[in-house]
PDB file of N, CA and C in Angstrom:
ATOM      1  N   UNK A   1      21.964   6.017 -40.085  1.00  0.00           N
ATOM      2  CA  UNK A   1      22.670   7.241 -39.752  1.00  0.00           C
ATOM      3  C   UNK A   1      23.765   6.916 -38.748  1.00  0.00           C
ATOM      4  N   UNK A   2      24.955   7.299 -39.064  1.00  0.00           N
ATOM      5  CA  UNK A   2      26.096   6.938 -38.235  1.00  0.00           C
ATOM      6  C   UNK A   2      26.042   7.614 -36.864  1.00  0.00           C
ATOM      7  N   UNK A   3      25.640   8.882 -36.808  1.00  0.00           N
ATOM      8  CA  UNK A   3      25.544   9.574 -35.527  1.00  0.00           C
ATOM      9  C   UNK A   3      24.573   8.890 -34.583  1.00  0.00           C
ATOM     10  N   UNK A   4      23.445   8.455 -35.113  1.00  0.00           N
ATOM     11  CA  UNK A   4      22.459   7.772 -34.270  1.00  0.00           C
ATOM     12  C   UNK A   4      23.001   6.433 -33.773  1.00  0.00           C
ATOM     13  N   UNK A   5      23.745   5.731 -34.592  1.00  0.00           N
ATOM     14  CA  UNK A   5      24.347   4.462 -34.156  1.00  0.00           C
ATOM     15  C   UNK A   5      25.346   4.704 -33.025  1.00  0.00           C
ATOM     16  N   UNK A   6      26.129   5.745 -33.151  1.00  0.00           N
ATOM     17  CA  UNK A   6      27.091   6.101 -32.095  1.00  0.00           C
ATOM     18  C   UNK A   6      26.335   6.466 -30.820  1.00  0.00           C
ATOM     19  N   UNK A   7      25.278   7.261 -30.956  1.00  0.00           N
ATOM     20  CA  UNK A   7      24.490   7.681 -29.798  1.00  0.00           C
ATOM     21  C   UNK A   7      23.831   6.480 -29.112  1.00  0.00           C
ATOM     22  N   UNK A   8      23.294   5.554 -29.891  1.00  0.00           N
ATOM     23  CA  UNK A   8      22.672   4.354 -29.324  1.00  0.00           C
ATOM     24  C   UNK A   8      23.689   3.540 -28.525  1.00  0.00           C
ATOM     25  N   UNK A   9      24.865   3.339 -29.089  1.00  0.00           N
ATOM     26  CA  UNK A   9      25.909   2.582 -28.390  1.00  0.00           C
ATOM     27  C   UNK A   9      26.315   3.308 -27.106  1.00  0.00           C
ATOM     28  N   UNK A  10      26.465   4.622 -27.194  1.00  0.00           N
ATOM     29  CA  UNK A  10      26.829   5.431 -26.036  1.00  0.00           C
ATOM     30  C   UNK A  10      25.792   5.287 -24.922  1.00  0.00           C
ATOM     31  N   UNK A  11      24.519   5.420 -25.278  1.00  0.00           N
ATOM     32  CA  UNK A  11      23.452   5.313 -24.285  1.00  0.00           C
ATOM     33  C   UNK A  11      23.399   3.919 -23.666  1.00  0.00           C
ATOM     34  N   UNK A  12      23.512   2.896 -24.495  1.00  0.00           N
ATOM     35  CA  UNK A  12      23.523   1.518 -23.981  1.00  0.00           C
ATOM     36  C   UNK A  12      24.658   1.304 -22.980  1.00  0.00           C
ATOM     37  N   UNK A  13      25.828   1.834 -23.298  1.00  0.00           N
ATOM     38  CA  UNK A  13      26.983   1.681 -22.405  1.00  0.00           C
ATOM     39  C   UNK A  13      26.774   2.396 -21.071  1.00  0.00           C
ATOM     40  N   UNK A  14      25.933   3.397 -21.058  1.00  0.00           N
ATOM     41  CA  UNK A  14      25.704   4.184 -19.846  1.00  0.00           C
ATOM     42  C   UNK A  14      24.403   3.810 -19.133  1.00  0.00           C
ATOM     43  N   UNK A  15      23.845   2.650 -19.446  1.00  0.00           N
ATOM     44  CA  UNK A  15      22.735   2.118 -18.686  1.00  0.00           C
ATOM     45  C   UNK A  15      21.345   2.563 -19.120  1.00  0.00           C
ATOM     46  N   UNK A  16      21.213   3.139 -20.296  1.00  0.00           N
ATOM     47  CA  UNK A  16      19.906   3.537 -20.816  1.00  0.00           C
ATOM     48  C   UNK A  16      19.271   2.350 -21.530  1.00  0.00           C
ATOM     49  N   UNK A  17      17.974   2.195 -21.354  1.00  0.00           N
ATOM     50  CA  UNK A  17      17.214   1.153 -22.046  1.00  0.00           C
ATOM     51  C   UNK A  17      16.475   1.824 -23.207  1.00  0.00           C
ATOM     52  N   UNK A  18      16.780   1.426 -24.419  1.00  0.00           N
ATOM     53  CA  UNK A  18      16.198   2.057 -25.606  1.00  0.00           C
ATOM     54  C   UNK A  18      14.759   1.569 -25.775  1.00  0.00           C
ATOM     55  N   UNK A  19      13.824   2.519 -25.841  1.00  0.00           N
ATOM     56  CA  UNK A  19      12.411   2.203 -26.052  1.00  0.00           C
ATOM     57  C   UNK A  19      12.008   2.359 -27.518  1.00  0.00           C
ATOM     58  N   UNK A  20      12.587   3.344 -28.197  1.00  0.00           N
ATOM     59  CA  UNK A  20      12.221   3.587 -29.596  1.00  0.00           C
ATOM     60  C   UNK A  20      13.347   4.329 -30.300  1.00  0.00           C
ATOM     61  N   UNK A  21      13.474   4.049 -31.592  1.00  0.00           N
ATOM     62  CA  UNK A  21      14.418   4.759 -32.461  1.00  0.00           C
ATOM     63  C   UNK A  21      13.611   5.405 -33.576  1.00  0.00           C
ATOM     64  N   UNK A  22      13.956   6.629 -33.887  1.00  0.00           N
ATOM     65  CA  UNK A  22      13.268   7.389 -34.947  1.00  0.00           C
ATOM     66  C   UNK A  22      11.750   7.317 -34.768  1.00  0.00           C
ATOM     67  N   UNK A  23      11.292   7.696 -33.615  1.00  0.00           N
ATOM     68  CA  UNK A  23       9.861   7.672 -33.301  1.00  0.00           C
ATOM     69  C   UNK A  23       9.180   8.818 -34.046  1.00  0.00           C
ATOM     70  N   UNK A  24       8.401   8.466 -35.058  1.00  0.00           N
ATOM     71  CA  UNK A  24       7.757   9.457 -35.928  1.00  0.00           C
ATOM     72  C   UNK A  24       6.292   9.606 -35.589  1.00  0.00           C
ATOM     73  N   UNK A  25       5.848  10.848 -35.566  1.00  0.00           N
ATOM     74  CA  UNK A  25       4.446  11.165 -35.316  1.00  0.00           C
ATOM     75  C   UNK A  25       4.024  12.221 -36.325  1.00  0.00           C
ATOM     76  N   UNK A  26       2.743  12.532 -36.404  1.00  0.00           N
ATOM     77  CA  UNK A  26       2.314  13.629 -37.278  1.00  0.00           C
ATOM     78  C   UNK A  26       2.861  14.982 -36.814  1.00  0.00           C
ATOM     79  N   UNK A  27       3.366  15.046 -35.572  1.00  0.00           N
ATOM     80  CA  UNK A  27       3.791  16.316 -34.988  1.00  0.00           C
ATOM     81  C   UNK A  27       5.293  16.523 -35.021  1.00  0.00           C
ATOM     82  N   UNK A  28       6.041  15.458 -35.218  1.00  0.00           N
ATOM     83  CA  UNK A  28       7.490  15.554 -35.225  1.00  0.00           C
ATOM     84  C   UNK A  28       8.109  14.192 -34.984  1.00  0.00           C
ATOM     85  N   UNK A  29       9.410  14.174 -34.864  1.00  0.00           N
ATOM     86  CA  UNK A  29      10.157  12.929 -34.685  1.00  0.00           C
ATOM     87  C   UNK A  29      11.123  13.074 -33.520  1.00  0.00           C
ATOM     88  N   UNK A  30      11.310  11.969 -32.805  1.00  0.00           N
ATOM     89  CA  UNK A  30      12.324  11.904 -31.763  1.00  0.00           C
ATOM     90  C   UNK A  30      13.327  10.845 -32.206  1.00  0.00           C
ATOM     91  N   UNK A  31      14.603  11.235 -32.250  1.00  0.00           N
ATOM     92  CA  UNK A  31      15.625  10.301 -32.726  1.00  0.00           C
ATOM     93  C   UNK A  31      15.693   9.052 -31.857  1.00  0.00           C
ATOM     94  N   UNK A  32      15.747   9.247 -30.529  1.00  0.00           N
ATOM     95  CA  UNK A  32      15.841   8.117 -29.611  1.00  0.00           C
ATOM     96  C   UNK A  32      14.979   8.419 -28.381  1.00  0.00           C
ATOM     97  N   UNK A  33      14.206   7.440 -27.972  1.00  0.00           N
ATOM     98  CA  UNK A  33      13.490   7.520 -26.697  1.00  0.00           C
ATOM     99  C   UNK A  33      14.038   6.392 -25.842  1.00  0.00           C
ATOM    100  N   UNK A  34      14.519   6.760 -24.656  1.00  0.00           N
ATOM    101  CA  UNK A  34      15.132   5.781 -23.770  1.00  0.00           C
ATOM    102  C   UNK A  34      14.565   5.940 -22.365  1.00  0.00           C
ATOM    103  N   UNK A  35      14.787   4.918 -21.579  1.00  0.00           N
ATOM    104  CA  UNK A  35      14.406   4.984 -20.166  1.00  0.00           C
ATOM    105  C   UNK A  35      15.688   4.855 -19.362  1.00  0.00           C
ATOM    106  N   UNK A  36      15.839   5.762 -18.420  1.00  0.00           N
ATOM    107  CA  UNK A  36      16.988   5.725 -17.506  1.00  0.00           C
ATOM    108  C   UNK A  36      16.435   5.801 -16.094  1.00  0.00           C
ATOM    109  N   UNK A  37      16.596   4.721 -15.361  1.00  0.00           N
ATOM    110  CA  UNK A  37      15.991   4.577 -14.043  1.00  0.00           C
ATOM    111  C   UNK A  37      14.481   4.779 -14.184  1.00  0.00           C
ATOM    112  N   UNK A  38      13.905   5.812 -13.601  1.00  0.00           N
ATOM    113  CA  UNK A  38      12.456   6.031 -13.722  1.00  0.00           C
ATOM    114  C   UNK A  38      12.146   7.238 -14.604  1.00  0.00           C
ATOM    115  N   UNK A  39      13.045   7.577 -15.495  1.00  0.00           N
ATOM    116  CA  UNK A  39      12.893   8.766 -16.335  1.00  0.00           C
ATOM    117  C   UNK A  39      12.856   8.390 -17.810  1.00  0.00           C
ATOM    118  N   UNK A  40      11.960   9.040 -18.544  1.00  0.00           N
ATOM    119  CA  UNK A  40      11.947   8.924 -19.999  1.00  0.00           C
ATOM    120  C   UNK A  40      12.884  10.009 -20.538  1.00  0.00           C
ATOM    121  N   UNK A  41      13.783   9.605 -21.414  1.00  0.00           N
ATOM    122  CA  UNK A  41      14.750  10.540 -21.975  1.00  0.00           C
ATOM    123  C   UNK A  41      14.555  10.576 -23.488  1.00  0.00           C
ATOM    124  N   UNK A  42      14.197  11.753 -23.988  1.00  0.00           N
ATOM    125  CA  UNK A  42      14.055  11.968 -25.428  1.00  0.00           C
ATOM    126  C   UNK A  42      15.369  12.576 -25.907  1.00  0.00           C
ATOM    127  N   UNK A  43      15.994  11.923 -26.873  1.00  0.00           N
ATOM    128  CA  UNK A  43      17.324  12.328 -27.301  1.00  0.00           C
ATOM    129  C   UNK A  43      17.297  12.769 -28.761  1.00  0.00           C
ATOM    130  N   UNK A  44      17.769  13.970 -28.990  1.00  0.00           N
ATOM    131  CA  UNK A  44      17.984  14.475 -30.343  1.00  0.00           C
ATOM    132  C   UNK A  44      19.461  14.280 -30.655  1.00  0.00           C
ATOM    133  N   UNK A  45      19.759  13.685 -31.793  1.00  0.00           N
ATOM    134  CA  UNK A  45      21.145  13.437 -32.191  1.00  0.00           C
ATOM    135  C   UNK A  45      21.488  14.393 -33.321  1.00  0.00           C
ATOM    136  N   UNK A  46      22.597  15.105 -33.156  1.00  0.00           N
ATOM    137  CA  UNK A  46      23.067  16.027 -34.189  1.00  0.00           C
ATOM    138  C   UNK A  46      24.486  15.645 -34.574  1.00  0.00           C
ATOM    139  N   UNK A  47      24.707  15.489 -35.853  1.00  0.00           N
ATOM    140  CA  UNK A  47      26.029  15.168 -36.376  1.00  0.00           C
ATOM    141  C   UNK A  47      26.425  16.242 -37.371  1.00  0.00           C
ATOM    142  N   UNK A  48      27.555  16.861 -37.120  1.00  0.00           N
ATOM    143  CA  UNK A  48      28.085  17.894 -37.996  1.00  0.00           C
ATOM    144  C   UNK A  48      29.597  17.686 -38.116  1.00  0.00           C
ATOM    145  N   UNK A  49      30.251  18.564 -38.846  1.00  0.00           N
ATOM    146  CA  UNK A  49      31.693  18.425 -39.052  1.00  0.00           C
ATOM    147  C   UNK A  49      32.491  18.687 -37.778  1.00  0.00           C
ATOM    148  N   UNK A  50      31.932  19.483 -36.859  1.00  0.00           N
ATOM    149  CA  UNK A  50      32.579  19.740 -35.577  1.00  0.00           C
ATOM    150  C   UNK A  50      31.535  19.673 -34.469  1.00  0.00           C
ATOM    151  N   UNK A  51      31.991  19.426 -33.248  1.00  0.00           N
ATOM    152  CA  UNK A  51      31.056  19.406 -32.123  1.00  0.00           C
ATOM    153  C   UNK A  51      30.391  20.764 -31.941  1.00  0.00           C
ATOM    154  N   UNK A  52      31.144  21.835 -32.128  1.00  0.00           N
ATOM    155  CA  UNK A  52      30.594  23.177 -31.972  1.00  0.00           C
ATOM    156  C   UNK A  52      29.458  23.428 -32.962  1.00  0.00           C
ATOM    157  N   UNK A  53      29.635  22.999 -34.196  1.00  0.00           N
ATOM    158  CA  UNK A  53      28.575  23.166 -35.206  1.00  0.00           C
ATOM    159  C   UNK A  53      27.342  22.354 -34.807  1.00  0.00           C
ATOM    160  N   UNK A  54      27.556  21.179 -34.231  1.00  0.00           N
ATOM    161  CA  UNK A  54      26.436  20.347 -33.795  1.00  0.00           C
ATOM    162  C   UNK A  54      25.658  21.000 -32.663  1.00  0.00           C
ATOM    163  N   UNK A  55      26.360  21.682 -31.779  1.00  0.00           N
ATOM    164  CA  UNK A  55      25.718  22.319 -30.632  1.00  0.00           C
ATOM    165  C   UNK A  55      24.699  23.373 -31.042  1.00  0.00           C
ATOM    166  N   UNK A  56      24.940  24.006 -32.162  1.00  0.00           N
ATOM    167  CA  UNK A  56      24.068  25.098 -32.608  1.00  0.00           C
ATOM    168  C   UNK A  56      23.016  24.645 -33.619  1.00  0.00           C
ATOM    169  N   UNK A  57      22.876  23.352 -33.807  1.00  0.00           N
ATOM    170  CA  UNK A  57      22.012  22.841 -34.868  1.00  0.00           C
ATOM    171  C   UNK A  57      20.556  22.649 -34.462  1.00  0.00           C
ATOM    172  N   UNK A  58      20.223  22.741 -33.193  1.00  0.00           N
ATOM    173  CA  UNK A  58      18.846  22.513 -32.772  1.00  0.00           C
ATOM    174  C   UNK A  58      18.190  23.842 -32.409  1.00  0.00           C
ATOM    175  N   UNK A  59      17.117  24.141 -33.120  1.00  0.00           N
ATOM    176  CA  UNK A  59      16.418  25.418 -32.962  1.00  0.00           C
ATOM    177  C   UNK A  59      15.146  25.235 -32.135  1.00  0.00           C
ATOM    178  N   UNK A  60      14.564  26.340 -31.698  1.00  0.00           N
ATOM    179  CA  UNK A  60      13.368  26.320 -30.850  1.00  0.00           C
ATOM    180  C   UNK A  60      12.219  25.582 -31.533  1.00  0.00           C
ATOM    181  N   UNK A  61      12.021  25.813 -32.809  1.00  0.00           N
ATOM    182  CA  UNK A  61      10.924  25.133 -33.518  1.00  0.00           C
ATOM    183  C   UNK A  61      11.092  23.615 -33.489  1.00  0.00           C
ATOM    184  N   UNK A  62      12.323  23.146 -33.639  1.00  0.00           N
ATOM    185  CA  UNK A  62      12.580  21.704 -33.583  1.00  0.00           C
ATOM    186  C   UNK A  62      12.348  21.183 -32.164  1.00  0.00           C
ATOM    187  N   UNK A  63      12.719  21.957 -31.172  1.00  0.00           N
ATOM    188  CA  UNK A  63      12.457  21.565 -29.786  1.00  0.00           C
ATOM    189  C   UNK A  63      10.954  21.374 -29.577  1.00  0.00           C
ATOM    190  N   UNK A  64      10.155  22.280 -30.114  1.00  0.00           N
ATOM    191  CA  UNK A  64       8.695  22.184 -29.980  1.00  0.00           C
ATOM    192  C   UNK A  64       8.161  20.921 -30.652  1.00  0.00           C
ATOM    193  N   UNK A  65       8.696  20.585 -31.829  1.00  0.00           N
ATOM    194  CA  UNK A  65       8.264  19.367 -32.513  1.00  0.00           C
ATOM    195  C   UNK A  65       8.610  18.120 -31.692  1.00  0.00           C
ATOM    196  N   UNK A  66       9.781  18.130 -31.082  1.00  0.00           N
ATOM    197  CA  UNK A  66      10.193  16.993 -30.253  1.00  0.00           C
ATOM    198  C   UNK A  66       9.266  16.865 -29.046  1.00  0.00           C
ATOM    199  N   UNK A  67       8.939  17.984 -28.426  1.00  0.00           N
ATOM    200  CA  UNK A  67       8.040  17.948 -27.270  1.00  0.00           C
ATOM    201  C   UNK A  67       6.651  17.464 -27.665  1.00  0.00           C
ATOM    202  N   UNK A  68       6.155  17.897 -28.819  1.00  0.00           N
ATOM    203  CA  UNK A  68       4.852  17.423 -29.293  1.00  0.00           C
ATOM    204  C   UNK A  68       4.887  15.934 -29.614  1.00  0.00           C
ATOM    205  N   UNK A  69       5.988  15.467 -30.176  1.00  0.00           N
ATOM    206  CA  UNK A  69       6.134  14.035 -30.452  1.00  0.00           C
ATOM    207  C   UNK A  69       6.166  13.247 -29.147  1.00  0.00           C
ATOM    208  N   UNK A  70       6.785  13.807 -28.117  1.00  0.00           N
ATOM    209  CA  UNK A  70       6.796  13.156 -26.803  1.00  0.00           C
ATOM    210  C   UNK A  70       5.370  13.020 -26.262  1.00  0.00           C
ATOM    211  N   UNK A  71       4.560  14.069 -26.403  1.00  0.00           N
ATOM    212  CA  UNK A  71       3.170  14.000 -25.938  1.00  0.00           C
ATOM    213  C   UNK A  71       2.409  12.889 -26.664  1.00  0.00           C
ATOM    214  N   UNK A  72       2.674  12.726 -27.947  1.00  0.00           N
ATOM    215  CA  UNK A  72       2.075  11.634 -28.724  1.00  0.00           C
ATOM    216  C   UNK A  72       2.541  10.284 -28.176  1.00  0.00           C
ATOM    217  N   UNK A  73       3.825  10.178 -27.870  1.00  0.00           N
ATOM    218  CA  UNK A  73       4.380   8.941 -27.318  1.00  0.00           C
ATOM    219  C   UNK A  73       3.663   8.576 -26.021  1.00  0.00           C
ATOM    220  N   UNK A  74       3.482   9.548 -25.141  1.00  0.00           N
ATOM    221  CA  UNK A  74       2.831   9.298 -23.851  1.00  0.00           C
ATOM    222  C   UNK A  74       1.379   8.874 -24.046  1.00  0.00           C
ATOM    223  N   UNK A  75       0.707   9.460 -25.019  1.00  0.00           N
ATOM    224  CA  UNK A  75      -0.667   9.057 -25.300  1.00  0.00           C
ATOM    225  C   UNK A  75      -0.710   7.629 -25.841  1.00  0.00           C
ATOM    226  N   UNK A  76       0.290   7.259 -26.616  1.00  0.00           N
ATOM    227  CA  UNK A  76       0.345   5.921 -27.197  1.00  0.00           C
ATOM    228  C   UNK A  76       0.814   4.866 -26.198  1.00  0.00           C
ATOM    229  N   UNK A  77       1.618   5.279 -25.221  1.00  0.00           N
ATOM    230  CA  UNK A  77       2.168   4.363 -24.218  1.00  0.00           C
ATOM    231  C   UNK A  77       1.928   4.944 -22.820  1.00  0.00           C
ATOM    232  N   UNK A  78       0.677   4.895 -22.354  1.00  0.00           N
ATOM    233  CA  UNK A  78       0.329   5.550 -21.088  1.00  0.00           C
ATOM    234  C   UNK A  78       1.027   4.962 -19.856  1.00  0.00           C
ATOM    235  N   UNK A  79       1.621   3.788 -19.980  1.00  0.00           N
ATOM    236  CA  UNK A  79       2.358   3.232 -18.838  1.00  0.00           C
ATOM    237  C   UNK A  79       3.515   4.135 -18.419  1.00  0.00           C
ATOM    238  N   UNK A  80       4.000   4.978 -19.329  1.00  0.00           N
ATOM    239  CA  UNK A  80       5.122   5.872 -19.034  1.00  0.00           C
ATOM    240  C   UNK A  80       4.668   7.278 -18.623  1.00  0.00           C
ATOM    241  N   UNK A  81       3.367   7.503 -18.547  1.00  0.00           N
ATOM    242  CA  UNK A  81       2.836   8.850 -18.311  1.00  0.00           C
ATOM    243  C   UNK A  81       3.260   9.447 -16.970  1.00  0.00           C
ATOM    244  N   UNK A  82       3.515   8.615 -15.971  1.00  0.00           N
ATOM    245  CA  UNK A  82       3.901   9.138 -14.660  1.00  0.00           C
ATOM    246  C   UNK A  82       5.405   9.290 -14.481  1.00  0.00           C
ATOM    247  N   UNK A  83       6.163   8.862 -15.480  1.00  0.00           N
ATOM    248  CA  UNK A  83       7.623   9.003 -15.406  1.00  0.00           C
ATOM    249  C   UNK A  83       8.026  10.444 -15.704  1.00  0.00           C
ATOM    250  N   UNK A  84       9.074  10.891 -15.046  1.00  0.00           N
ATOM    251  CA  UNK A  84       9.641  12.199 -15.368  1.00  0.00           C
ATOM    252  C   UNK A  84      10.198  12.141 -16.785  1.00  0.00           C
ATOM    253  N   UNK A  85      10.330  13.294 -17.409  1.00  0.00           N
ATOM    254  CA  UNK A  85      10.875  13.352 -18.773  1.00  0.00           C
ATOM    255  C   UNK A  85      12.042  14.330 -18.808  1.00  0.00           C
ATOM    256  N   UNK A  86      12.999  13.992 -19.647  1.00  0.00           N
ATOM    257  CA  UNK A  86      14.150  14.876 -19.859  1.00  0.00           C
ATOM    258  C   UNK A  86      14.436  14.906 -21.351  1.00  0.00           C
ATOM    259  N   UNK A  87      14.824  16.072 -21.845  1.00  0.00           N
ATOM    260  CA  UNK A  87      15.154  16.236 -23.256  1.00  0.00           C
ATOM    261  C   UNK A  87      16.660  16.471 -23.368  1.00  0.00           C
ATOM    262  N   UNK A  88      17.338  15.501 -23.967  1.00  0.00           N
ATOM    263  CA  UNK A  88      18.789  15.541 -24.106  1.00  0.00           C
ATOM    264  C   UNK A  88      19.176  15.727 -25.564  1.00  0.00           C
ATOM    265  N   UNK A  89      20.424  16.118 -25.755  1.00  0.00           N
ATOM    266  CA  UNK A  89      21.013  16.189 -27.093  1.00  0.00           C
ATOM    267  C   UNK A  89      22.349  15.460 -27.030  1.00  0.00           C
ATOM    268  N   UNK A  90      22.601  14.643 -28.027  1.00  0.00           N
ATOM    269  CA  UNK A  90      23.924  14.044 -28.185  1.00  0.00           C
ATOM    270  C   UNK A  90      24.484  14.577 -29.494  1.00  0.00           C
ATOM    271  N   UNK A  91      25.631  15.227 -29.386  1.00  0.00           N
ATOM    272  CA  UNK A  91      26.268  15.776 -30.585  1.00  0.00           C
ATOM    273  C   UNK A  91      27.458  14.900 -30.953  1.00  0.00           C
ATOM    274  N   UNK A  92      27.578  14.680 -32.247  1.00  0.00           N
ATOM    275  CA  UNK A  92      28.638  13.822 -32.778  1.00  0.00           C
ATOM    276  C   UNK A  92      29.385  14.569 -33.872  1.00  0.00           C
ATOM    277  N   UNK A  93      30.659  14.284 -33.951  1.00  0.00           N
ATOM    278  CA  UNK A  93      31.505  14.825 -35.019  1.00  0.00           C
ATOM    279  C   UNK A  93      32.595  13.802 -35.295  1.00  0.00           C
ATOM    280  N   UNK A  94      33.108  13.787 -36.524  1.00  0.00           N
ATOM    281  CA  UNK A  94      34.171  12.827 -36.863  1.00  0.00           C
ATOM    282  C   UNK A  94      35.370  12.979 -35.917  1.00  0.00           C
ATOM    283  N   UNK A  95      35.944  11.854 -35.534  1.00  0.00           N
ATOM    284  CA  UNK A  95      37.150  11.812 -34.695  1.00  0.00           C
ATOM    285  C   UNK A  95      36.964  12.456 -33.326  1.00  0.00           C
ATOM    286  N   UNK A  96      35.732  12.491 -32.825  1.00  0.00           N
ATOM    287  CA  UNK A  96      35.453  13.051 -31.502  1.00  0.00           C
ATOM    288  C   UNK A  96      34.540  12.099 -30.743  1.00  0.00           C
ATOM    289  N   UNK A  97      34.709  12.074 -29.431  1.00  0.00           N
ATOM    290  CA  UNK A  97      33.771  11.319 -28.604  1.00  0.00           C
ATOM    291  C   UNK A  97      32.437  12.056 -28.618  1.00  0.00           C
ATOM    292  N   UNK A  98      31.325  11.332 -28.562  1.00  0.00           N
ATOM    293  CA  UNK A  98      30.032  12.022 -28.514  1.00  0.00           C
ATOM    294  C   UNK A  98      29.922  12.850 -27.239  1.00  0.00           C
ATOM    295  N   UNK A  99      29.237  13.963 -27.361  1.00  0.00           N
ATOM    296  CA  UNK A  99      29.003  14.848 -26.227  1.00  0.00           C
ATOM    297  C   UNK A  99      27.530  14.749 -25.859  1.00  0.00           C
ATOM    298  N   UNK A 100      27.253  14.303 -24.629  1.00  0.00           N
ATOM    299  CA  UNK A 100      25.890  14.102 -24.154  1.00  0.00           C
ATOM    300  C   UNK A 100      25.505  15.303 -23.297  1.00  0.00           C
ATOM    301  N   UNK A 101      24.535  16.065 -23.766  1.00  0.00           N
ATOM    302  CA  UNK A 101      24.057  17.229 -23.032  1.00  0.00           C
ATOM    303  C   UNK A 101      22.716  16.861 -22.411  1.00  0.00           C
ATOM    304  N   UNK A 102      22.742  16.630 -21.117  1.00  0.00           N
ATOM    305  CA  UNK A 102      21.526  16.246 -20.407  1.00  0.00           C
ATOM    306  C   UNK A 102      20.686  17.486 -20.134  1.00  0.00           C
ATOM    307  N   UNK A 103      19.360  17.306 -20.253  1.00  0.00           N
ATOM    308  CA  UNK A 103      18.421  18.402 -19.997  1.00  0.00           C
ATOM    309  C   UNK A 103      18.760  19.615 -20.854  1.00  0.00           C
ATOM    310  N   UNK A 104      18.988  19.366 -22.145  1.00  0.00           N
ATOM    311  CA  UNK A 104      19.409  20.423 -23.068  1.00  0.00           C
ATOM    312  C   UNK A 104      18.336  21.482 -23.256  1.00  0.00           C
ATOM    313  N   UNK A 105      17.081  21.085 -23.132  1.00  0.00           N
ATOM    314  CA  UNK A 105      15.974  22.041 -23.184  1.00  0.00           C
ATOM    315  C   UNK A 105      14.829  21.470 -22.372  1.00  0.00           C
ATOM    316  N   UNK A 106      13.898  22.347 -22.015  1.00  0.00           N
ATOM    317  CA  UNK A 106      12.799  21.929 -21.146  1.00  0.00           C
ATOM    318  C   UNK A 106      11.477  22.057 -21.869  1.00  0.00           C
ATOM    319  N   UNK A 107      10.523  21.254 -21.423  1.00  0.00           N
ATOM    320  CA  UNK A 107       9.190  21.283 -21.997  1.00  0.00           C
ATOM    321  C   UNK A 107       8.501  22.592 -21.630  1.00  0.00           C
ATOM    322  N   UNK A 108       7.730  23.108 -22.581  1.00  0.00           N
ATOM    323  CA  UNK A 108       6.907  24.280 -22.310  1.00  0.00           C
ATOM    324  C   UNK A 108       5.733  23.868 -21.441  1.00  0.00           C
ATOM    325  N   UNK A 109       5.364  24.717 -20.534  1.00  0.00           N
ATOM    326  CA  UNK A 109       4.215  24.439 -19.671  1.00  0.00           C
ATOM    327  C   UNK A 109       3.159  25.510 -19.868  1.00  0.00           C
ATOM    328  N   UNK A 110       2.907  25.892 -21.118  1.00  0.00           N
ATOM    329  CA  UNK A 110       1.935  26.947 -21.418  1.00  0.00           C
ATOM    330  C   UNK A 110       0.522  26.474 -21.190  1.00  0.00           C
TER     331      UNK A 110
END
């Protein structure tokens, strides 16, 4: 996927250490899991014809799947359990620089 390749390069250039790509679980998938300083960053990558269209492409149900996949990741890799977590979105569109939205949504604490 071209958007994910762009996002990976972008994150690498900005000091993120990639832990996993397309991390799939029975509960959902996370496009990219990275570590930045002492924080785990789960990144959803959206590629559409325009950046604006990409911004509106992630719905609440998908956010929940990403959060559930993160919980699976932490259970599988408990060394990261004490790290803070952030959920980011990187939106990509042809002929545009990627837009990195940090803390695009927050985990539910129900």
